[in-house]
Amino acid sequence: AYTTPNLRRVSGGFGGNYSPYIAPSYFDSGVRNTIKNAGQSLTMVELSYDGYDRLVEPYSMEYYLRKDGVGQEYFWGYDTTGGKSGKKSIKMFICDKIESARLTNYNFSPRYAVEF
């Protein structure tokens, strides 16, 4: 049986109308598995995220339901390259901005608890 993908509408700017863009609320299974495997092996993951290539230490993933009722899966990782802000820090990444993810050969010593 066909099941509808887990998607959510992204509201537009005209009186609360919805845009035609439908954003995913969960990570693609390939991306999720790449991040999970990297975390379990304490290996950094290379992300192409929001137009920037980043080298990230993976720490956790969670599904969170906001107060407005929108639920989404989040990935927490330490961005060692700084990305858009240039700030090297722990950051929250959302599924619809990840363009690609791949395992690297770079190991890391955890700064936080790894929860995979």
Protein backbone atom coordinates (compact mmCIF):
# COMPACT_ATOMS: atom_id res chain seq x y z
CA ALA A 1 0.00 0.00 0.00
CA TYR A 2 1.16 3.51 -0.80
CA THR A 3 1.77 5.80 2.15
CA THR A 4 2.07 9.57 1.97
CA PRO A 5 5.60 10.86 2.64
CA ASN A 6 6.03 12.65 5.95
CA LEU A 7 5.91 16.26 4.74
CA ARG A 8 4.77 19.55 6.18
CA ARG A 9 3.60 22.73 4.49
CA VAL A 10 5.75 25.82 4.85
CA SER A 11 3.63 28.91 5.43
CA GLY A 12 3.91 31.78 3.00
CA GLY A 13 3.89 35.49 3.67
CA PHE A 14 0.42 36.38 2.40
CA GLY A 15 -2.09 36.25 5.23
CA GLY A 16 -0.93 32.84 6.41
CA ASN A 17 -1.49 31.17 3.03
CA TYR A 18 0.59 28.11 2.37
CA SER A 19 3.31 28.17 -0.24
CA PRO A 20 3.46 25.39 -2.82
CA TYR A 21 6.75 24.23 -1.25
CA ILE A 22 6.37 21.20 0.98
CA ALA A 23 9.29 20.66 3.33
CA PRO A 24 10.19 17.23 4.69
CA SER A 25 9.88 16.77 8.43
CA TYR A 26 12.26 13.78 8.65
CA PHE A 27 15.75 13.16 7.32
CA ASP A 28 16.08 11.02 4.22
CA SER A 29 17.06 7.48 5.31
CA GLY A 30 20.42 7.71 3.50
CA VAL A 31 21.31 10.96 5.26
CA ARG A 32 20.07 9.63 8.63
CA ASN A 33 22.12 6.43 8.27
CA THR A 34 25.23 8.36 7.25
CA ILE A 35 24.95 10.67 10.27
CA LYS A 36 24.12 7.79 12.64
CA ASN A 37 27.03 5.66 11.41
CA ALA A 38 29.42 8.60 11.70
CA GLY A 39 28.31 9.25 15.28
CA GLN A 40 28.61 5.61 16.30
CA SER A 41 32.13 5.36 14.85
CA LEU A 42 33.19 8.84 16.13
CA THR A 43 33.87 9.88 12.55
CA MET A 44 33.12 13.34 11.18
CA VAL A 45 30.50 13.81 8.49
CA GLU A 46 30.83 16.20 5.56
CA LEU A 47 27.58 18.09 5.03
CA SER A 48 26.55 20.31 2.22
CA TYR A 49 24.05 22.41 4.18
CA ASP A 50 22.27 25.61 3.23
CA GLY A 51 24.80 26.30 0.47
CA TYR A 52 27.92 25.67 2.60
CA ASP A 53 30.20 22.64 2.89
CA ARG A 54 30.80 21.79 6.52
CA LEU A 55 32.84 19.26 8.48
CA VAL A 56 30.64 18.22 11.42
CA GLU A 57 31.05 16.10 14.55
CA PRO A 58 27.68 14.27 14.92
CA TYR A 59 26.10 14.14 18.40
CA SER A 60 22.37 13.43 18.28
CA MET A 61 19.10 13.43 16.35
CA GLU A 62 15.66 14.10 17.75
CA TYR A 63 12.11 14.69 16.64
CA TYR A 64 10.64 17.76 18.28
CA LEU A 65 7.10 19.14 18.20
CA ARG A 66 7.09 22.93 18.47
CA LYS A 67 4.41 24.92 20.32
CA ASP A 68 2.81 25.82 16.98
CA GLY A 69 2.24 22.11 16.30
CA VAL A 70 4.92 21.75 13.62
CA GLY A 71 7.04 18.66 14.18
CA GLN A 72 10.46 18.17 12.67
CA GLU A 73 13.53 16.01 13.06
CA TYR A 74 16.71 17.82 14.11
CA PHE A 75 20.39 16.86 13.97
CA TRP A 76 22.83 18.31 16.51
CA GLY A 77 26.49 18.50 15.54
CA TYR A 78 29.59 20.56 16.16
CA ASP A 79 30.36 22.56 13.00
CA THR A 80 34.17 22.70 12.81
CA THR A 81 34.21 24.90 9.70
CA GLY A 82 31.79 27.63 10.79
CA GLY A 83 29.39 27.55 7.83
CA LYS A 84 27.31 30.63 7.10
CA SER A 85 28.01 32.39 10.42
CA GLY A 86 31.71 31.52 10.48
CA LYS A 87 31.21 30.44 14.11
CA LYS A 88 32.60 27.04 15.08
CA SER A 89 30.08 25.67 17.57
CA ILE A 90 27.37 23.12 18.31
CA LYS A 91 24.53 23.71 15.86
CA MET A 92 21.09 22.39 15.03
CA PHE A 93 20.62 21.21 11.44
CA ILE A 94 17.21 20.64 9.83
CA CYS A 95 16.41 18.08 7.17
CA ASP A 96 15.25 20.34 4.35
CA LYS A 97 18.56 22.27 4.24
CA ILE A 98 20.86 19.24 3.96
CA GLU A 99 21.87 18.87 0.32
CA SER A 100 24.23 15.93 0.90
CA ALA A 101 26.00 14.01 3.66
CA ARG A 102 28.97 11.70 3.45
CA LEU A 103 31.23 9.85 5.86
CA THR A 104 34.82 10.99 6.15
CA ASN A 105 37.99 9.34 7.43
CA TYR A 106 38.41 12.02 10.13
CA ASN A 107 37.94 10.79 13.70
CA PHE A 108 37.01 13.13 16.53
CA SER A 109 37.18 13.13 20.34
CA PRO A 110 33.67 13.95 21.60
CA ARG A 111 33.06 17.33 23.21
CA TYR A 112 29.57 16.20 24.29
CA ALA A 113 27.75 12.90 24.79
CA VAL A 114 27.23 11.09 21.49
CA GLU A 115 23.62 9.81 21.48
CA PHE A 116 23.36 7.34 18.59
